[in-house]
Amino acid sequence: MRQIEYSVLVPVYNEAESLAELCARVSAMFGKMGISAYECIIVDDGSVDGSARILGTLIDQYPRLRVVRLRRNCGKSLALSAGFAHVRGTTIITLDGDLQDHPEDIPMLLQALGSADLVQGWRTDRHDTVVRKLGSRVYNWFVKRVTGLHMHDMNCAVKAYRVDVMRALNVYGQYHRYIPLQAHLAGFRVAELPVSNSDRRHGHSKFHTFRYEGLFDLLSLLFLHKYGLNPMHFFGKLSAAVIVPSVLLLMYFVVEQALFLMHRGGTEVFNRPLLAFALAALLLGGLMFTTGFVCDFVLHHVIRARLDGIISMSVASVSGTQDDDPSSAR
């Protein structure tokens, strides 16, 4: 079997009217480049508009077309994950299936990939509603301020990846919006490239204009990046912020009760609401600390299984060649 060099991955949901032209344009573009070692994987995300029937016909017409069909609509992130599990190429290009993205931009993406690990598309002339474009600007500005990754259009579907980047991604929920951020946080080189964009000619967008859920995904992603390998650092600080004041309060109440029992000016403390608050805070802090301890305990037992995905390294000799014998480093 010929080695596949490029994999074009397209998740679709109810885009039956666009599929034939999409396949024709991808095939024509690679033919123009003189490349035959490619595949086009279309992930049918549980479409109900006849997409499965059309894709079955297109497979006979385009031998390099592969179809992954999900039994129900799972969302773009899981559709991408399903496609990632089936790609065979060393370079992956993703597009949307609504023809707003142009397969003809792929050569530019591949050229830019020479100096980066992931190239993110930037729709400089985006054809969309004013509200969507404004929301996108606010979203990208916020992500840039929070993460430090300067991207104009992080949610653009047009991307080119090296296969190592794809393997490092964890795409579920709505994490497809943060693929460049995931790559950046993992230490890969991320670049941005202006790409073409057209009006939607068939159907309508499958995404709501206002998608606040992405904020929760961003918080989760940043938390996992900072504390995913040392959860006790987070839960320990949080529990200390609760336990220390509660212990100080309880010490104060012990002294106050002792003075009361010795008739030296203290007051009865057992009927004071602040005592109940201090005890509840101490219990809450203990639960936080235990949560961090359990997370660290679990992580200790799975860290070796995750090691290859956490770090990437190479050992080279002084001459710059790969050295497979660890003893030679001594």
Protein backbone atom coordinates (compact mmCIF):
# COMPACT_ATOMS: atom_id res chain seq x y z
CA MET A 1 0.00 0.00 0.00
CA ARG A 2 1.31 3.44 -0.93
CA GLN A 3 2.27 5.63 2.01
CA ILE A 4 -0.31 8.37 2.59
CA GLU A 5 1.35 11.76 2.97
CA TYR A 6 -1.64 14.10 3.27
CA SER A 7 -4.99 13.59 4.97
CA VAL A 8 -7.81 16.08 4.34
CA LEU A 9 -10.33 15.80 7.16
CA VAL A 10 -13.81 17.29 6.78
CA PRO A 11 -16.52 16.92 9.46
CA VAL A 12 -20.01 17.46 7.99
CA TYR A 13 -23.52 17.61 9.35
CA ASN A 14 -26.43 17.96 6.92
CA GLU A 15 -24.29 19.32 4.07
CA ALA A 16 -25.57 16.99 1.34
CA GLU A 17 -25.73 19.72 -1.31
CA SER A 18 -22.06 20.61 -0.87
CA LEU A 19 -20.45 17.16 -0.82
CA ALA A 20 -20.07 16.53 -4.56
CA GLU A 21 -18.43 19.89 -5.23
CA LEU A 22 -16.23 19.55 -2.16
CA CYS A 23 -14.85 16.18 -3.30
CA ALA A 24 -14.35 17.47 -6.85
CA ARG A 25 -12.42 20.53 -5.70
CA VAL A 26 -10.20 18.56 -3.31
CA SER A 27 -9.42 16.02 -6.02
CA ALA A 28 -8.74 18.72 -8.61
CA MET A 29 -6.49 20.65 -6.25
CA PHE A 30 -4.26 17.65 -5.45
CA GLY A 31 -4.24 16.72 -9.12
CA LYS A 32 -3.02 20.20 -9.98
CA MET A 33 -0.26 19.83 -7.38
CA GLY A 34 0.71 16.47 -8.84
CA ILE A 35 0.15 14.70 -5.52
CA SER A 36 -1.45 11.26 -5.43
CA ALA A 37 -0.40 10.13 -1.93
CA TYR A 38 -3.38 11.68 -0.17
CA GLU A 39 -6.73 10.76 1.29
CA CYS A 40 -9.90 12.73 1.94
CA ILE A 41 -11.80 11.65 5.04
CA ILE A 42 -15.34 12.96 5.44
CA VAL A 43 -16.85 12.39 8.88
CA ASP A 44 -20.64 12.28 8.62
CA ASP A 45 -21.73 13.51 12.04
CA GLY A 46 -25.10 11.74 12.05
CA SER A 47 -26.57 13.69 9.11
CA VAL A 48 -30.28 13.16 8.36
CA ASP A 49 -30.45 14.89 4.97
CA GLY A 50 -29.28 12.04 2.74
CA SER A 51 -25.56 12.75 3.10
CA ALA A 52 -24.85 9.04 3.72
CA ARG A 53 -26.41 8.06 0.39
CA ILE A 54 -24.50 10.76 -1.51
CA LEU A 55 -21.21 9.82 0.14
CA GLY A 56 -21.79 6.19 -0.81
CA THR A 57 -22.03 7.29 -4.44
CA LEU A 58 -18.99 9.55 -4.21
CA ILE A 59 -16.80 6.77 -2.84
CA ASP A 60 -17.19 4.92 -6.13
CA GLN A 61 -16.23 8.09 -8.02
CA TYR A 62 -13.26 9.13 -5.85
CA PRO A 63 -11.06 6.19 -4.79
CA ARG A 64 -9.13 8.33 -2.28
CA LEU A 65 -12.30 9.26 -0.42
CA ARG A 66 -12.96 7.57 2.91
CA VAL A 67 -16.12 8.03 4.97
CA VAL A 68 -16.54 7.74 8.73
CA ARG A 69 -20.18 7.77 9.77
CA LEU A 70 -21.33 8.46 13.35
CA ARG A 71 -24.62 6.89 14.38
CA ARG A 72 -25.90 10.15 15.82
CA ASN A 73 -24.96 13.81 15.87
CA CYS A 74 -22.10 14.13 18.37
CA GLY A 75 -20.83 17.63 17.60
CA LYS A 76 -17.82 18.94 15.73
CA SER A 77 -15.23 18.11 18.39
CA LEU A 78 -16.08 14.42 18.56
CA ALA A 79 -16.45 14.28 14.78
CA LEU A 80 -12.88 15.60 14.48
CA SER A 81 -11.69 13.09 17.07
CA ALA A 82 -13.31 10.27 15.11
CA GLY A 83 -11.55 11.51 11.97
CA PHE A 84 -8.21 11.83 13.77
CA ALA A 85 -8.51 8.18 14.78
CA HIS A 86 -8.68 7.16 11.10
CA VAL A 87 -6.15 9.42 9.39
CA ARG A 88 -3.09 7.78 7.86
CA GLY A 89 -1.21 10.84 6.61
CA THR A 90 1.78 12.57 8.15
CA THR A 91 0.18 15.97 7.47
CA ILE A 92 -3.46 16.69 8.26
CA ILE A 93 -5.57 19.46 6.75
CA THR A 94 -9.00 20.26 8.18
CA LEU A 95 -11.81 22.12 6.43
CA ASP A 96 -15.51 22.70 6.98
CA GLY A 97 -17.85 21.02 4.55
CA ASP A 98 -20.07 24.00 3.71
CA LEU A 99 -17.79 25.31 0.90
CA GLN A 100 -17.16 28.56 2.72
CA ASP A 101 -13.61 27.28 3.15
CA HIS A 102 -11.58 26.88 -0.04
CA PRO A 103 -9.67 23.63 -0.72
CA GLU A 104 -7.57 25.73 -3.11
CA ASP A 105 -5.85 27.28 -0.05
CA ILE A 106 -4.24 23.95 0.86
CA PRO A 107 -0.98 24.57 -1.07
CA MET A 108 -0.41 27.80 0.89
CA LEU A 109 -1.07 25.98 4.17
CA LEU A 110 1.41 23.24 3.30
CA GLN A 111 4.05 25.80 2.37
CA ALA A 112 3.57 27.68 5.66
CA LEU A 113 3.79 24.39 7.53
CA GLY A 114 7.47 24.28 6.67
CA SER A 115 8.24 26.69 9.51
CA ALA A 116 5.48 25.72 11.95
CA ASP A 117 3.85 22.67 13.48
CA LEU A 118 0.31 23.98 13.06
CA VAL A 119 -0.94 26.62 10.63
CA GLN A 120 -4.22 28.30 11.54
CA GLY A 121 -6.39 29.94 8.90
CA TRP A 122 -7.42 33.59 9.26
CA ARG A 123 -10.55 34.69 7.42
CA THR A 124 -9.47 38.26 6.70
CA ASP A 125 -12.53 38.80 4.49
CA ARG A 126 -15.06 36.78 6.42
CA HIS A 127 -18.46 36.37 4.80
CA ASP A 128 -20.83 36.23 7.73
CA THR A 129 -23.34 38.33 9.64
CA VAL A 130 -22.18 41.47 11.44
CA VAL A 131 -23.17 39.99 14.78
CA ARG A 132 -21.10 36.85 14.20
CA LYS A 133 -18.07 38.84 13.08
CA LEU A 134 -18.34 41.14 16.09
CA GLY A 135 -18.73 38.20 18.45
CA SER A 136 -15.69 36.54 16.88
CA ARG A 137 -13.57 39.67 17.41
CA VAL A 138 -14.57 39.90 21.06
CA TYR A 139 -13.91 36.18 21.54
CA ASN A 140 -10.47 36.28 19.93
CA TRP A 141 -9.53 39.43 21.85
CA PHE A 142 -10.53 37.79 25.14
CA VAL A 143 -8.64 34.56 24.43
CA LYS A 144 -5.57 36.57 23.42
CA ARG A 145 -5.65 38.59 26.66
CA VAL A 146 -6.16 35.51 28.84
CA THR A 147 -3.73 33.11 27.16
CA GLY A 148 -1.15 35.34 25.46
CA LEU A 149 -1.60 33.51 22.14
CA HIS A 150 -2.05 36.16 19.44
CA MET A 151 -4.61 34.78 16.98
CA HIS A 152 -7.05 36.77 14.87
CA ASP A 153 -9.36 33.86 14.05
CA MET A 154 -8.84 30.93 16.40
CA ASN A 155 -12.12 29.24 15.48
CA CYS A 156 -11.44 29.09 11.73
CA ALA A 157 -11.81 25.48 10.56
CA VAL A 158 -8.97 25.76 8.01
CA LYS A 159 -5.87 24.26 9.62
CA ALA A 160 -2.82 22.23 8.69
CA TYR A 161 -1.14 20.04 11.29
CA ARG A 162 1.85 17.84 11.59
CA VAL A 163 0.81 14.42 12.81
CA ASP A 164 2.62 14.91 16.15
CA VAL A 165 0.36 17.86 16.90
CA MET A 166 -2.74 15.83 16.13
CA ARG A 167 -1.62 13.09 18.52
CA ALA A 168 -1.16 15.63 21.31
CA LEU A 169 -4.67 17.06 20.93
CA ASN A 170 -7.56 16.16 23.20
CA VAL A 171 -10.69 17.27 21.35
CA TYR A 172 -14.07 16.81 23.01
CA GLY A 173 -16.89 19.04 24.24
CA GLN A 174 -16.25 22.18 22.21
CA TYR A 175 -12.47 22.01 22.33
CA HIS A 176 -12.29 22.28 18.53
CA ARG A 177 -12.32 26.05 19.09
CA TYR A 178 -9.07 25.84 21.03
CA ILE A 179 -6.97 23.52 18.87
CA PRO A 180 -4.31 26.22 18.21
CA LEU A 181 -4.25 27.01 21.93
CA GLN A 182 -3.82 23.35 22.83
CA ALA A 183 -0.92 23.08 20.40
CA HIS A 184 0.64 26.28 21.77
CA LEU A 185 0.34 25.11 25.38
CA ALA A 186 1.89 21.77 24.40
CA GLY A 187 4.97 23.57 23.09
CA PHE A 188 4.35 23.35 19.34
CA ARG A 189 4.99 26.22 16.92
CA VAL A 190 1.73 27.84 15.83
CA ALA A 191 1.42 30.19 12.85
CA GLU A 192 -1.46 32.07 11.24
CA LEU A 193 -2.16 32.46 7.53
CA PRO A 194 -4.84 34.52 5.70
CA VAL A 195 -7.26 32.23 3.85
CA SER A 196 -10.22 32.71 1.55
CA ASN A 197 -13.83 32.66 2.66
CA SER A 198 -17.08 32.61 0.70
CA ASP A 199 -20.76 33.07 1.37
CA ARG A 200 -22.67 29.96 2.37
CA ARG A 201 -24.55 28.75 -0.70
CA HIS A 202 -26.48 25.82 0.77
CA GLY A 203 -28.29 25.29 4.04
CA HIS A 204 -27.57 27.25 7.17
CA SER A 205 -24.99 27.38 9.96
CA LYS A 206 -25.26 24.62 12.57
CA PHE A 207 -23.86 26.83 15.35
CA HIS A 208 -25.64 29.42 17.46
CA THR A 209 -24.46 33.02 17.26
CA PHE A 210 -23.87 33.23 21.02
CA ARG A 211 -21.96 30.24 22.42
CA TYR A 212 -21.09 30.98 26.04
CA GLU A 213 -20.17 27.33 26.68
CA GLY A 214 -16.78 27.99 25.10
CA LEU A 215 -15.84 30.06 28.15
CA PHE A 216 -16.18 27.00 30.37
CA ASP A 217 -14.02 24.97 27.97
CA LEU A 218 -11.37 27.70 28.04
CA LEU A 219 -11.27 27.70 31.85
CA SER A 220 -11.08 23.91 31.89
CA LEU A 221 -8.28 23.88 29.32
CA LEU A 222 -6.20 26.48 31.16
CA PHE A 223 -6.72 24.68 34.47
CA LEU A 224 -5.62 21.35 32.99
CA HIS A 225 -2.57 22.97 31.42
CA LYS A 226 -1.43 24.59 34.66
CA TYR A 227 -2.43 21.97 37.20
CA GLY A 228 -3.06 18.82 35.16
CA LEU A 229 0.26 17.30 36.31
CA ASN A 230 0.25 18.72 39.85
CA PRO A 231 -3.37 19.04 41.05
CA MET A 232 -2.24 19.17 44.67
CA HIS A 233 -0.65 22.57 44.00
CA PHE A 234 -4.11 23.96 43.24
CA PHE A 235 -6.19 22.11 45.83
CA GLY A 236 -3.48 22.55 48.46
CA LYS A 237 -3.44 26.33 48.08
CA LEU A 238 -7.23 26.47 47.99
CA SER A 239 -7.60 24.30 51.09
CA ALA A 240 -4.94 26.31 52.95
CA ALA A 241 -6.82 29.54 52.19
CA VAL A 242 -9.83 28.01 53.94
CA ILE A 243 -8.21 25.92 56.67
CA VAL A 244 -5.78 28.51 58.07
CA PRO A 245 -8.43 31.19 58.90
CA SER A 246 -10.79 28.56 60.30
CA VAL A 247 -8.05 27.12 62.56
CA LEU A 248 -7.19 30.61 63.81
CA LEU A 249 -10.87 31.23 64.58
CA LEU A 250 -11.14 27.93 66.42
CA MET A 251 -8.02 28.74 68.47
CA TYR A 252 -9.60 32.06 69.38
CA PHE A 253 -12.79 30.30 70.49
CA VAL A 254 -10.80 27.80 72.58
CA VAL A 255 -9.09 30.64 74.43
CA GLU A 256 -12.40 32.49 74.81
CA GLN A 257 -14.13 29.42 76.24
CA ALA A 258 -11.23 28.73 78.60
CA LEU A 259 -11.41 32.29 79.96
CA PHE A 260 -15.16 31.91 80.39
CA LEU A 261 -14.77 28.67 82.37
CA MET A 262 -12.13 30.31 84.60
CA HIS A 263 -14.40 33.33 85.12
CA ARG A 264 -11.79 35.69 83.72
CA GLY A 265 -13.95 37.68 81.33
CA GLY A 266 -14.50 35.18 78.51
CA THR A 267 -17.91 34.46 76.98
CA GLU A 268 -19.78 31.28 76.11
CA VAL A 269 -18.87 30.30 72.52
CA PHE A 270 -21.11 27.30 71.77
CA ASN A 271 -24.10 29.46 70.83
CA ARG A 272 -22.15 31.73 68.47
CA PRO A 273 -22.82 31.31 64.69
CA LEU A 274 -19.20 32.12 63.88
CA LEU A 275 -18.12 28.88 65.58
CA ALA A 276 -20.37 26.84 63.30
CA PHE A 277 -18.97 28.76 60.33
CA ALA A 278 -15.38 28.01 61.39
CA LEU A 279 -16.11 24.30 61.82
CA ALA A 280 -17.84 24.12 58.43
CA ALA A 281 -14.90 25.93 56.79
CA LEU A 282 -12.44 23.50 58.40
CA LEU A 283 -14.44 20.56 57.06
CA LEU A 284 -14.62 22.12 53.59
CA GLY A 285 -10.87 22.77 53.58
CA GLY A 286 -10.23 19.18 54.59
CA LEU A 287 -12.37 17.94 51.70
CA MET A 288 -10.45 20.17 49.26
CA PHE A 289 -7.13 18.86 50.52
CA THR A 290 -8.35 15.26 50.27
CA THR A 291 -9.51 15.88 46.69
CA GLY A 292 -6.05 17.09 45.72
CA PHE A 293 -4.44 14.14 47.49
CA VAL A 294 -6.64 11.65 45.65
CA CYS A 295 -5.95 13.38 42.30
CA ASP A 296 -2.20 13.19 42.93
CA PHE A 297 -2.49 9.54 43.97
CA VAL A 298 -4.36 8.63 40.77
CA LEU A 299 -1.98 10.67 38.64
CA HIS A 300 1.00 8.90 40.16
CA HIS A 301 -0.27 5.58 38.79
CA VAL A 302 -1.13 6.76 35.28
CA ILE A 303 1.70 9.20 34.63
CA ARG A 304 3.93 6.62 32.94
CA ALA A 305 1.16 5.68 30.53
CA ARG A 306 0.80 9.36 29.60
CA LEU A 307 4.50 10.17 29.50
CA ASP A 308 4.87 9.95 25.72
CA GLY A 309 2.00 12.36 25.25
CA ILE A 310 3.28 14.80 27.84
CA ILE A 311 6.83 15.26 26.64
CA SER A 312 8.68 14.94 23.38
CA MET A 313 12.42 14.67 23.36
CA SER A 314 15.32 13.39 21.34
CA VAL A 315 18.78 12.35 22.39
CA ALA A 316 21.57 13.42 20.04
CA SER A 317 25.28 12.85 20.14
CA VAL A 318 27.79 15.68 19.94
CA SER A 319 27.96 15.26 16.18
CA GLY A 320 24.20 15.85 15.92
CA THR A 321 23.25 12.30 14.96
CA GLN A 322 20.69 10.23 16.83
CA ASP A 323 22.25 8.00 19.47
CA ASP A 324 20.22 4.97 20.47
CA ASP A 325 22.67 3.71 23.08
CA PRO A 326 22.08 5.43 26.42
CA SER A 327 25.41 4.18 27.72
CA SER A 328 27.25 6.32 25.19
CA ALA A 329 26.05 9.44 26.96
CA ARG A 330 28.02 8.51 30.02
